[in-house]
Amino acid sequence: MSPPCPHCGFTGPSLDPGTCGRCGVIFSRLHITPTPTPEALLEPATPPDEAASGALVEAPDVGARSENGWALPLAFGVALVLNSNGCGRLVVFSTASNWSHELGHATWRWMNGRSAIPALFFTFYSEPGRSVVFSLLVVGGLVALLLWARSADCRGLVALAAAFLAVFAGLAIAMPAAKEHLLESFAGIFGEFWISTLWVALFYFQFPASVRWQQLRWAFLFLGAAAYTRILGIFLASRTDMSRLPWGSFYGGDGDLDKLLAAGWLVPFIRQVYFTVAAICGAILALHYAYFLWRLQKGRRAPA
């Protein structure tokens, strides 16, 4: 007697070897699900948060990570040590501070639809005015970032992209060309404050796995803390010695503060504006630290 057909159970003869005499199915083309072994039945099912490759799709709760309690104080402790001596200040100036400064200039131009390429100690640009093509590139890039972050369920990155889009729209509507060029000089030191703050704050947020933010965030945390500490220290020292302000340019000639002074900004006003920026940025960092520390403590008190 022939073995039973896996499809219909027929056990009779067939005119065609390798086929069923009743339903005609070809045995070699029939996918048979093997009967699971007792060992396989005992294996735990694959967790729903794992991809086919075995890599976790979702990172652990960012609010429950133990480093949320000590990473930021450690970063600012290291930043204070670096900025307490001339060699350390030179290292911070030529790395974290300089890049945040030039990115401040470049970001201001990007948000106003003008091209810019930040580099070490200098920002290259060619468009003297707003460019329609570059404006479309900026908006398209921000929209793509927003959609990508939304598909990856990164709410922090979604909020950041939406905020940049709102700033771009606001500047396009309300920013006169004359004031835009003047504030480009303001944007360098302004960038040292807000970009360093952003680098530190992003430590607490999750990015898509392809960015490898779990490793990169440590570098940006320490860079941001060093840059913020340096520029804040400069303005604190300038309260008793105006010469401590960053006058001039690395390449000689007038720097950003000189241009603001030539435009009618008085030194007390310049200091007050930047002190206000520093206070706002410091409050943002303190709120981030307090909130995620609270989440950490809450997670530790929760019953297992």
C-alpha atoms as a PDB file:
ATOM      1  CA  MET A   1       0.000   0.000   0.000  1.00  0.00           C
ATOM      2  CA  SER A   2       1.243   3.481  -0.914  1.00  0.00           C
ATOM      3  CA  PRO A   3       1.805   6.004   1.876  1.00  0.00           C
ATOM      4  CA  PRO A   4      -1.177   8.339   2.423  1.00  0.00           C
ATOM      5  CA  CYS A   5      -1.293  11.569   0.390  1.00  0.00           C
ATOM      6  CA  PRO A   6      -0.333  14.499   2.643  1.00  0.00           C
ATOM      7  CA  HIS A   7      -3.011  16.595   0.952  1.00  0.00           C
ATOM      8  CA  CYS A   8      -6.135  14.348   0.853  1.00  0.00           C
ATOM      9  CA  GLY A   9      -5.116  11.150   2.685  1.00  0.00           C
ATOM     10  CA  PHE A  10      -5.664   8.827  -0.315  1.00  0.00           C
ATOM     11  CA  THR A  11      -3.650   5.584  -0.081  1.00  0.00           C
ATOM     12  CA  GLY A  12      -4.518   3.989  -3.412  1.00  0.00           C
ATOM     13  CA  PRO A  13      -2.334   3.528  -6.492  1.00  0.00           C
ATOM     14  CA  SER A  14      -1.424   6.295  -8.943  1.00  0.00           C
ATOM     15  CA  LEU A  15      -0.660   6.090 -12.672  1.00  0.00           C
ATOM     16  CA  ASP A  16       2.040   8.744 -12.261  1.00  0.00           C
ATOM     17  CA  PRO A  17       4.729   7.907  -9.676  1.00  0.00           C
ATOM     18  CA  GLY A  18       5.204  10.679  -7.130  1.00  0.00           C
ATOM     19  CA  THR A  19       1.625  11.955  -7.480  1.00  0.00           C
ATOM     20  CA  CYS A  20      -1.662  11.274  -5.714  1.00  0.00           C
ATOM     21  CA  GLY A  21      -4.097   9.042  -7.638  1.00  0.00           C
ATOM     22  CA  ARG A  22      -7.094  11.011  -6.320  1.00  0.00           C
ATOM     23  CA  CYS A  23      -6.223  14.735  -6.160  1.00  0.00           C
ATOM     24  CA  GLY A  24      -3.184  14.687  -8.487  1.00  0.00           C
ATOM     25  CA  VAL A  25      -0.931  16.687  -6.162  1.00  0.00           C
ATOM     26  CA  ILE A  26       2.812  16.340  -6.842  1.00  0.00           C
ATOM     27  CA  PHE A  27       4.471  15.237  -3.631  1.00  0.00           C
ATOM     28  CA  SER A  28       7.823  16.966  -4.374  1.00  0.00           C
ATOM     29  CA  ARG A  29       6.101  20.350  -4.713  1.00  0.00           C
ATOM     30  CA  LEU A  30       4.016  20.053  -1.570  1.00  0.00           C
ATOM     31  CA  HIS A  31       5.336  22.039   1.416  1.00  0.00           C
ATOM     32  CA  ILE A  32       4.784  19.924   4.469  1.00  0.00           C
ATOM     33  CA  THR A  33       4.911  21.608   7.871  1.00  0.00           C
ATOM     34  CA  PRO A  34       7.005  19.366  10.112  1.00  0.00           C
ATOM     35  CA  THR A  35       5.509  18.232  13.363  1.00  0.00           C
ATOM     36  CA  PRO A  36       7.082  20.296  16.140  1.00  0.00           C
ATOM     37  CA  THR A  37       9.349  18.434  18.522  1.00  0.00           C
ATOM     38  CA  PRO A  38       8.783  18.563  22.292  1.00  0.00           C
ATOM     39  CA  GLU A  39      11.953  20.691  22.601  1.00  0.00           C
ATOM     40  CA  ALA A  40      10.599  23.248  20.139  1.00  0.00           C
ATOM     41  CA  LEU A  41       7.342  23.458  22.057  1.00  0.00           C
ATOM     42  CA  LEU A  42       9.265  24.324  25.212  1.00  0.00           C
ATOM     43  CA  GLU A  43      11.221  27.202  23.548  1.00  0.00           C
ATOM     44  CA  PRO A  44       9.852  30.690  24.329  1.00  0.00           C
ATOM     45  CA  ALA A  45       8.234  32.575  21.517  1.00  0.00           C
ATOM     46  CA  THR A  46      10.199  35.386  19.868  1.00  0.00           C
ATOM     47  CA  PRO A  47       9.365  38.652  21.660  1.00  0.00           C
ATOM     48  CA  PRO A  48       7.201  41.006  19.594  1.00  0.00           C
ATOM     49  CA  ASP A  49       9.777  43.773  19.862  1.00  0.00           C
ATOM     50  CA  GLU A  50      12.447  41.835  17.970  1.00  0.00           C
ATOM     51  CA  ALA A  51      12.996  42.134  14.248  1.00  0.00           C
ATOM     52  CA  ALA A  52      13.539  39.204  11.910  1.00  0.00           C
ATOM     53  CA  SER A  53      17.277  39.721  12.224  1.00  0.00           C
ATOM     54  CA  GLY A  54      17.064  39.349  16.001  1.00  0.00           C
ATOM     55  CA  ALA A  55      17.871  43.011  16.713  1.00  0.00           C
ATOM     56  CA  LEU A  56      15.661  44.905  19.099  1.00  0.00           C
ATOM     57  CA  VAL A  57      13.441  47.442  17.402  1.00  0.00           C
ATOM     58  CA  GLU A  58      12.530  49.366  20.521  1.00  0.00           C
ATOM     59  CA  ALA A  59      15.182  50.601  22.918  1.00  0.00           C
ATOM     60  CA  PRO A  60      14.588  50.330  26.666  1.00  0.00           C
ATOM     61  CA  ASP A  61      12.578  53.086  28.280  1.00  0.00           C
ATOM     62  CA  VAL A  62      14.806  56.153  28.006  1.00  0.00           C
ATOM     63  CA  GLY A  63      13.475  57.462  31.291  1.00  0.00           C
ATOM     64  CA  ALA A  64      14.522  54.360  33.207  1.00  0.00           C
ATOM     65  CA  ARG A  65      18.207  54.280  32.234  1.00  0.00           C
ATOM     66  CA  SER A  66      20.491  54.545  35.255  1.00  0.00           C
ATOM     67  CA  GLU A  67      22.884  56.959  33.490  1.00  0.00           C
ATOM     68  CA  ASN A  68      20.171  59.627  33.515  1.00  0.00           C
ATOM     69  CA  GLY A  69      21.102  60.276  37.128  1.00  0.00           C
ATOM     70  CA  TRP A  70      24.842  60.767  36.753  1.00  0.00           C
ATOM     71  CA  ALA A  71      25.744  61.437  33.101  1.00  0.00           C
ATOM     72  CA  LEU A  72      24.919  65.156  32.987  1.00  0.00           C
ATOM     73  CA  PRO A  73      26.673  66.059  36.298  1.00  0.00           C
ATOM     74  CA  LEU A  74      29.701  64.062  35.155  1.00  0.00           C
ATOM     75  CA  ALA A  75      29.791  65.831  31.775  1.00  0.00           C
ATOM     76  CA  PHE A  76      29.651  69.285  33.358  1.00  0.00           C
ATOM     77  CA  GLY A  77      32.226  68.273  35.954  1.00  0.00           C
ATOM     78  CA  VAL A  78      34.632  67.299  33.171  1.00  0.00           C
ATOM     79  CA  ALA A  79      33.737  70.539  31.343  1.00  0.00           C
ATOM     80  CA  LEU A  80      34.628  72.624  34.405  1.00  0.00           C
ATOM     81  CA  VAL A  81      37.991  70.880  34.698  1.00  0.00           C
ATOM     82  CA  LEU A  82      38.755  71.414  31.001  1.00  0.00           C
ATOM     83  CA  ASN A  83      37.798  75.091  31.118  1.00  0.00           C
ATOM     84  CA  SER A  84      39.774  75.769  34.294  1.00  0.00           C
ATOM     85  CA  ASN A  85      43.142  75.860  32.500  1.00  0.00           C
ATOM     86  CA  GLY A  86      44.537  77.336  29.313  1.00  0.00           C
ATOM     87  CA  CYS A  87      45.295  74.028  27.596  1.00  0.00           C
ATOM     88  CA  GLY A  88      41.808  72.686  28.250  1.00  0.00           C
ATOM     89  CA  ARG A  89      40.163  75.906  27.066  1.00  0.00           C
ATOM     90  CA  LEU A  90      42.189  75.732  23.850  1.00  0.00           C
ATOM     91  CA  VAL A  91      40.997  72.167  23.229  1.00  0.00           C
ATOM     92  CA  VAL A  92      37.363  73.145  23.875  1.00  0.00           C
ATOM     93  CA  PHE A  93      37.645  76.280  21.716  1.00  0.00           C
ATOM     94  CA  SER A  94      39.106  74.436  18.750  1.00  0.00           C
ATOM     95  CA  THR A  95      36.542  71.615  18.868  1.00  0.00           C
ATOM     96  CA  ALA A  96      33.147  71.914  20.547  1.00  0.00           C
ATOM     97  CA  SER A  97      32.980  75.722  20.794  1.00  0.00           C
ATOM     98  CA  ASN A  98      34.139  76.362  17.256  1.00  0.00           C
ATOM     99  CA  TRP A  99      31.782  73.883  15.661  1.00  0.00           C
ATOM    100  CA  SER A 100      28.787  75.137  17.643  1.00  0.00           C
ATOM    101  CA  HIS A 101      29.741  78.724  16.717  1.00  0.00           C
ATOM    102  CA  GLU A 102      30.022  78.034  12.980  1.00  0.00           C
ATOM    103  CA  LEU A 103      26.905  75.871  13.031  1.00  0.00           C
ATOM    104  CA  GLY A 104      25.145  78.823  14.640  1.00  0.00           C
ATOM    105  CA  HIS A 105      26.037  81.014  11.648  1.00  0.00           C
ATOM    106  CA  ALA A 106      25.173  78.277   9.146  1.00  0.00           C
ATOM    107  CA  THR A 107      21.863  77.368  10.783  1.00  0.00           C
ATOM    108  CA  TRP A 108      20.792  80.999  10.761  1.00  0.00           C
ATOM    109  CA  ARG A 109      21.454  81.175   7.020  1.00  0.00           C
ATOM    110  CA  TRP A 110      19.692  77.847   6.406  1.00  0.00           C
ATOM    111  CA  MET A 111      16.639  79.015   8.344  1.00  0.00           C
ATOM    112  CA  ASN A 112      16.568  82.103   6.137  1.00  0.00           C
ATOM    113  CA  GLY A 113      16.838  80.120   2.911  1.00  0.00           C
ATOM    114  CA  ARG A 114      20.490  80.944   2.243  1.00  0.00           C
ATOM    115  CA  SER A 115      23.259  78.465   1.541  1.00  0.00           C
ATOM    116  CA  ALA A 116      26.119  77.910   3.980  1.00  0.00           C
ATOM    117  CA  ILE A 117      28.816  75.307   4.611  1.00  0.00           C
ATOM    118  CA  PRO A 118      30.245  75.357   8.162  1.00  0.00           C
ATOM    119  CA  ALA A 119      33.932  74.547   8.530  1.00  0.00           C
ATOM    120  CA  LEU A 120      36.567  74.869  11.216  1.00  0.00           C
ATOM    121  CA  PHE A 121      36.855  78.583  12.178  1.00  0.00           C
ATOM    122  CA  PHE A 122      34.874  79.727   9.127  1.00  0.00           C
ATOM    123  CA  THR A 123      31.514  79.371   7.364  1.00  0.00           C
ATOM    124  CA  PHE A 124      31.485  79.408   3.569  1.00  0.00           C
ATOM    125  CA  TYR A 125      28.525  80.872   1.707  1.00  0.00           C
ATOM    126  CA  SER A 126      27.752  82.158  -1.765  1.00  0.00           C
ATOM    127  CA  GLU A 127      24.124  83.291  -1.853  1.00  0.00           C
ATOM    128  CA  PRO A 128      23.863  86.919  -0.630  1.00  0.00           C
ATOM    129  CA  GLY A 129      20.066  86.701  -0.420  1.00  0.00           C
ATOM    130  CA  ARG A 130      17.286  84.179  -0.008  1.00  0.00           C
ATOM    131  CA  SER A 131      17.386  81.393  -2.605  1.00  0.00           C
ATOM    132  CA  VAL A 132      14.176  79.677  -3.694  1.00  0.00           C
ATOM    133  CA  VAL A 133      16.050  76.498  -4.603  1.00  0.00           C
ATOM    134  CA  PHE A 134      17.876  76.330  -1.288  1.00  0.00           C
ATOM    135  CA  SER A 135      14.664  77.155   0.609  1.00  0.00           C
ATOM    136  CA  LEU A 136      12.962  74.191  -1.056  1.00  0.00           C
ATOM    137  CA  LEU A 137      15.937  71.987  -0.153  1.00  0.00           C
ATOM    138  CA  VAL A 138      15.736  73.025   3.500  1.00  0.00           C
ATOM    139  CA  VAL A 139      11.967  72.542   3.723  1.00  0.00           C
ATOM    140  CA  GLY A 140      12.160  69.216   1.871  1.00  0.00           C
ATOM    141  CA  GLY A 141      14.919  67.991   4.160  1.00  0.00           C
ATOM    142  CA  LEU A 142      13.019  68.973   7.310  1.00  0.00           C
ATOM    143  CA  VAL A 143       9.802  67.350   6.064  1.00  0.00           C
ATOM    144  CA  ALA A 144      11.723  64.170   5.203  1.00  0.00           C
ATOM    145  CA  LEU A 145      13.298  64.205   8.680  1.00  0.00           C
ATOM    146  CA  LEU A 146       9.898  64.649  10.290  1.00  0.00           C
ATOM    147  CA  LEU A 147       8.333  61.774   8.331  1.00  0.00           C
ATOM    148  CA  TRP A 148      11.306  59.501   8.983  1.00  0.00           C
ATOM    149  CA  ALA A 149      11.211  60.264  12.720  1.00  0.00           C
ATOM    150  CA  ARG A 150       7.462  59.716  12.795  1.00  0.00           C
ATOM    151  CA  SER A 151       7.750  56.332  11.074  1.00  0.00           C
ATOM    152  CA  ALA A 152      10.392  55.334  13.656  1.00  0.00           C
ATOM    153  CA  ASP A 153       8.217  56.653  16.519  1.00  0.00           C
ATOM    154  CA  CYS A 154      10.896  59.119  17.700  1.00  0.00           C
ATOM    155  CA  ARG A 155       8.732  61.838  19.195  1.00  0.00           C
ATOM    156  CA  GLY A 156      11.651  64.010  20.256  1.00  0.00           C
ATOM    157  CA  LEU A 157      13.035  64.097  16.719  1.00  0.00           C
ATOM    158  CA  VAL A 158       9.537  64.773  15.337  1.00  0.00           C
ATOM    159  CA  ALA A 159       9.213  67.758  17.684  1.00  0.00           C
ATOM    160  CA  LEU A 160      12.675  69.040  16.701  1.00  0.00           C
ATOM    161  CA  ALA A 161      11.938  68.855  12.966  1.00  0.00           C
ATOM    162  CA  ALA A 162       8.544  70.527  13.485  1.00  0.00           C
ATOM    163  CA  ALA A 163      10.187  73.306  15.522  1.00  0.00           C
ATOM    164  CA  PHE A 164      12.733  74.007  12.766  1.00  0.00           C
ATOM    165  CA  LEU A 165       9.927  74.104  10.183  1.00  0.00           C
ATOM    166  CA  ALA A 166       8.029  76.602  12.341  1.00  0.00           C
ATOM    167  CA  VAL A 167      11.151  78.773  12.733  1.00  0.00           C
ATOM    168  CA  PHE A 168      11.759  78.664   8.986  1.00  0.00           C
ATOM    169  CA  ALA A 169       8.177  79.735   8.257  1.00  0.00           C
ATOM    170  CA  GLY A 170       8.289  82.485  10.891  1.00  0.00           C
ATOM    171  CA  LEU A 171      11.541  83.951   9.573  1.00  0.00           C
ATOM    172  CA  ALA A 172      10.318  83.785   5.974  1.00  0.00           C
ATOM    173  CA  ILE A 173       7.228  85.807   6.928  1.00  0.00           C
ATOM    174  CA  ALA A 174       8.528  88.279   9.481  1.00  0.00           C
ATOM    175  CA  MET A 175      12.300  88.768   9.077  1.00  0.00           C
ATOM    176  CA  PRO A 176      13.397  91.894   7.126  1.00  0.00           C
ATOM    177  CA  ALA A 177      16.501  91.413   4.988  1.00  0.00           C
ATOM    178  CA  ALA A 178      18.484  94.156   6.776  1.00  0.00           C
ATOM    179  CA  LYS A 179      17.904  92.684  10.227  1.00  0.00           C
ATOM    180  CA  GLU A 180      18.583  89.176   8.911  1.00  0.00           C
ATOM    181  CA  HIS A 181      22.134  90.144   7.883  1.00  0.00           C
ATOM    182  CA  LEU A 182      22.770  91.912  11.191  1.00  0.00           C
ATOM    183  CA  LEU A 183      21.554  88.953  13.250  1.00  0.00           C
ATOM    184  CA  GLU A 184      23.870  86.671  11.309  1.00  0.00           C
ATOM    185  CA  SER A 185      26.651  88.217  13.402  1.00  0.00           C
ATOM    186  CA  PHE A 186      24.599  87.564  16.545  1.00  0.00           C
ATOM    187  CA  ALA A 187      23.976  83.940  15.535  1.00  0.00           C
ATOM    188  CA  GLY A 188      27.550  82.705  16.080  1.00  0.00           C
ATOM    189  CA  ILE A 189      27.763  83.126  19.868  1.00  0.00           C
ATOM    190  CA  PHE A 190      24.032  82.440  20.054  1.00  0.00           C
ATOM    191  CA  GLY A 191      24.809  79.078  18.435  1.00  0.00           C
ATOM    192  CA  GLU A 192      27.432  78.333  21.076  1.00  0.00           C
ATOM    193  CA  PHE A 193      24.623  78.513  23.619  1.00  0.00           C
ATOM    194  CA  TRP A 194      21.663  76.876  21.909  1.00  0.00           C
ATOM    195  CA  ILE A 195      23.517  74.218  19.902  1.00  0.00           C
ATOM    196  CA  SER A 196      25.548  73.103  22.926  1.00  0.00           C
ATOM    197  CA  THR A 197      22.294  72.946  24.893  1.00  0.00           C
ATOM    198  CA  LEU A 198      20.699  70.870  22.152  1.00  0.00           C
ATOM    199  CA  TRP A 199      23.639  68.436  22.129  1.00  0.00           C
ATOM    200  CA  VAL A 200      23.259  67.873  25.868  1.00  0.00           C
ATOM    201  CA  ALA A 201      19.449  67.634  25.849  1.00  0.00           C
ATOM    202  CA  LEU A 202      19.394  65.102  23.010  1.00  0.00           C
ATOM    203  CA  PHE A 203      21.266  62.693  25.276  1.00  0.00           C
ATOM    204  CA  TYR A 204      17.915  61.852  26.857  1.00  0.00           C
ATOM    205  CA  PHE A 205      16.083  61.068  23.629  1.00  0.00           C
ATOM    206  CA  GLN A 206      15.854  58.089  21.313  1.00  0.00           C
ATOM    207  CA  PHE A 207      16.795  58.157  17.627  1.00  0.00           C
ATOM    208  CA  PRO A 208      16.227  55.453  14.995  1.00  0.00           C
ATOM    209  CA  ALA A 209      18.612  52.523  15.459  1.00  0.00           C
ATOM    210  CA  SER A 210      20.387  53.260  12.150  1.00  0.00           C
ATOM    211  CA  VAL A 211      21.787  56.502  13.640  1.00  0.00           C
ATOM    212  CA  ARG A 212      23.600  54.575  16.420  1.00  0.00           C
ATOM    213  CA  TRP A 213      22.653  57.345  18.811  1.00  0.00           C
ATOM    214  CA  GLN A 214      23.132  55.105  21.854  1.00  0.00           C
ATOM    215  CA  GLN A 215      26.899  55.434  21.276  1.00  0.00           C
ATOM    216  CA  LEU A 216      27.092  58.893  19.667  1.00  0.00           C
ATOM    217  CA  ARG A 217      25.046  60.629  22.358  1.00  0.00           C
ATOM    218  CA  TRP A 218      27.911  60.313  24.843  1.00  0.00           C
ATOM    219  CA  ALA A 219      30.271  62.265  22.602  1.00  0.00           C
ATOM    220  CA  PHE A 220      27.701  65.001  22.009  1.00  0.00           C
ATOM    221  CA  LEU A 221      26.882  65.172  25.724  1.00  0.00           C
ATOM    222  CA  PHE A 222      30.493  65.972  26.651  1.00  0.00           C
ATOM    223  CA  LEU A 223      31.007  68.293  23.663  1.00  0.00           C
ATOM    224  CA  GLY A 224      27.851  70.226  24.498  1.00  0.00           C
ATOM    225  CA  ALA A 225      28.695  70.538  28.181  1.00  0.00           C
ATOM    226  CA  ALA A 226      32.228  71.770  27.374  1.00  0.00           C
ATOM    227  CA  ALA A 227      31.028  74.368  24.845  1.00  0.00           C
ATOM    228  CA  TYR A 228      28.254  75.702  27.098  1.00  0.00           C
ATOM    229  CA  THR A 229      30.563  75.939  30.114  1.00  0.00           C
ATOM    230  CA  ARG A 230      33.219  77.804  28.132  1.00  0.00           C
ATOM    231  CA  ILE A 231      30.971  80.500  26.634  1.00  0.00           C
ATOM    232  CA  LEU A 232      29.072  80.988  29.898  1.00  0.00           C
ATOM    233  CA  GLY A 233      32.373  81.430  31.737  1.00  0.00           C
ATOM    234  CA  ILE A 234      33.474  84.079  29.244  1.00  0.00           C
ATOM    235  CA  PHE A 235      30.363  86.180  29.787  1.00  0.00           C
ATOM    236  CA  LEU A 236      30.504  85.738  33.555  1.00  0.00           C
ATOM    237  CA  ALA A 237      34.112  86.984  33.527  1.00  0.00           C
ATOM    238  CA  SER A 238      33.129  89.954  31.339  1.00  0.00           C
ATOM    239  CA  ARG A 239      31.041  91.440  34.162  1.00  0.00           C
ATOM    240  CA  THR A 240      34.248  92.784  35.712  1.00  0.00           C
ATOM    241  CA  ASP A 241      36.478  92.905  32.640  1.00  0.00           C
ATOM    242  CA  MET A 242      34.957  93.874  29.299  1.00  0.00           C
ATOM    243  CA  SER A 243      38.121  92.798  27.476  1.00  0.00           C
ATOM    244  CA  ARG A 244      37.270  89.163  28.289  1.00  0.00           C
ATOM    245  CA  LEU A 245      34.482  89.271  25.710  1.00  0.00           C
ATOM    246  CA  PRO A 246      35.325  87.516  22.419  1.00  0.00           C
ATOM    247  CA  TRP A 247      36.239  90.607  20.399  1.00  0.00           C
ATOM    248  CA  GLY A 248      37.845  90.376  16.976  1.00  0.00           C
ATOM    249  CA  SER A 249      38.088  87.458  14.604  1.00  0.00           C
ATOM    250  CA  PHE A 250      40.313  84.388  14.419  1.00  0.00           C
ATOM    251  CA  TYR A 251      41.585  85.634  11.043  1.00  0.00           C
ATOM    252  CA  GLY A 252      41.971  89.249  12.172  1.00  0.00           C
ATOM    253  CA  GLY A 253      39.669  92.195  11.621  1.00  0.00           C
ATOM    254  CA  ASP A 254      36.202  92.726  13.036  1.00  0.00           C
ATOM    255  CA  GLY A 255      34.448  89.822  14.720  1.00  0.00           C
ATOM    256  CA  ASP A 256      30.796  89.243  15.473  1.00  0.00           C
ATOM    257  CA  LEU A 257      30.683  91.495  18.543  1.00  0.00           C
ATOM    258  CA  ASP A 258      32.517  94.278  16.704  1.00  0.00           C
ATOM    259  CA  LYS A 259      29.869  94.185  13.967  1.00  0.00           C
ATOM    260  CA  LEU A 260      27.057  94.323  16.532  1.00  0.00           C
ATOM    261  CA  LEU A 261      28.786  97.258  18.224  1.00  0.00           C
ATOM    262  CA  ALA A 262      29.156  99.048  14.871  1.00  0.00           C
ATOM    263  CA  ALA A 263      25.432  98.498  14.236  1.00  0.00           C
ATOM    264  CA  GLY A 264      24.531 100.401  17.416  1.00  0.00           C
ATOM    265  CA  TRP A 265      24.339  97.637  20.010  1.00  0.00           C
ATOM    266  CA  LEU A 266      25.856  98.787  23.315  1.00  0.00           C
ATOM    267  CA  VAL A 267      28.087  96.478  25.334  1.00  0.00           C
ATOM    268  CA  PRO A 268      25.704  96.276  28.351  1.00  0.00           C
ATOM    269  CA  PHE A 269      22.864  95.386  25.973  1.00  0.00           C
ATOM    270  CA  ILE A 270      24.971  92.731  24.215  1.00  0.00           C
ATOM    271  CA  ARG A 271      25.886  91.168  27.546  1.00  0.00           C
ATOM    272  CA  GLN A 272      22.297  91.279  28.788  1.00  0.00           C
ATOM    273  CA  VAL A 273      20.960  89.565  25.665  1.00  0.00           C
ATOM    274  CA  TYR A 274      23.495  86.765  25.824  1.00  0.00           C
ATOM    275  CA  PHE A 275      23.000  86.363  29.592  1.00  0.00           C
ATOM    276  CA  THR A 276      19.275  85.945  28.916  1.00  0.00           C
ATOM    277  CA  VAL A 277      20.037  83.299  26.285  1.00  0.00           C
ATOM    278  CA  ALA A 278      22.381  81.538  28.727  1.00  0.00           C
ATOM    279  CA  ALA A 279      19.707  81.556  31.454  1.00  0.00           C
ATOM    280  CA  ILE A 280      17.066  80.102  29.131  1.00  0.00           C
ATOM    281  CA  CYS A 281      19.439  77.389  27.923  1.00  0.00           C
ATOM    282  CA  GLY A 282      20.492  76.593  31.491  1.00  0.00           C
ATOM    283  CA  ALA A 283      16.842  76.316  32.541  1.00  0.00           C
ATOM    284  CA  ILE A 284      16.161  73.912  29.655  1.00  0.00           C
ATOM    285  CA  LEU A 285      19.062  71.696  30.740  1.00  0.00           C
ATOM    286  CA  ALA A 286      17.974  71.780  34.387  1.00  0.00           C
ATOM    287  CA  LEU A 287      14.398  70.864  33.482  1.00  0.00           C
ATOM    288  CA  HIS A 288      15.560  67.972  31.307  1.00  0.00           C
ATOM    289  CA  TYR A 289      17.791  66.641  34.050  1.00  0.00           C
ATOM    290  CA  ALA A 290      15.105  67.025  36.749  1.00  0.00           C
ATOM    291  CA  TYR A 291      12.412  65.392  34.617  1.00  0.00           C
ATOM    292  CA  PHE A 292      14.446  62.354  33.595  1.00  0.00           C
ATOM    293  CA  LEU A 293      15.861  61.991  37.106  1.00  0.00           C
ATOM    294  CA  TRP A 294      12.271  61.946  38.381  1.00  0.00           C
ATOM    295  CA  ARG A 295      11.381  59.254  35.838  1.00  0.00           C
ATOM    296  CA  LEU A 296      14.396  57.240  36.922  1.00  0.00           C
ATOM    297  CA  GLN A 297      13.429  57.452  40.592  1.00  0.00           C
ATOM    298  CA  LYS A 298       9.828  56.640  39.758  1.00  0.00           C
ATOM    299  CA  GLY A 299      10.928  53.541  37.846  1.00  0.00           C
ATOM    300  CA  ARG A 300      13.037  52.368  40.768  1.00  0.00           C
ATOM    301  CA  ARG A 301      10.128  52.744  43.207  1.00  0.00           C
ATOM    302  CA  ALA A 302       7.706  50.879  40.957  1.00  0.00           C
ATOM    303  CA  PRO A 303       6.946  47.304  42.080  1.00  0.00           C
ATOM    304  CA  ALA A 304       8.608  44.556  40.084  1.00  0.00           C
END
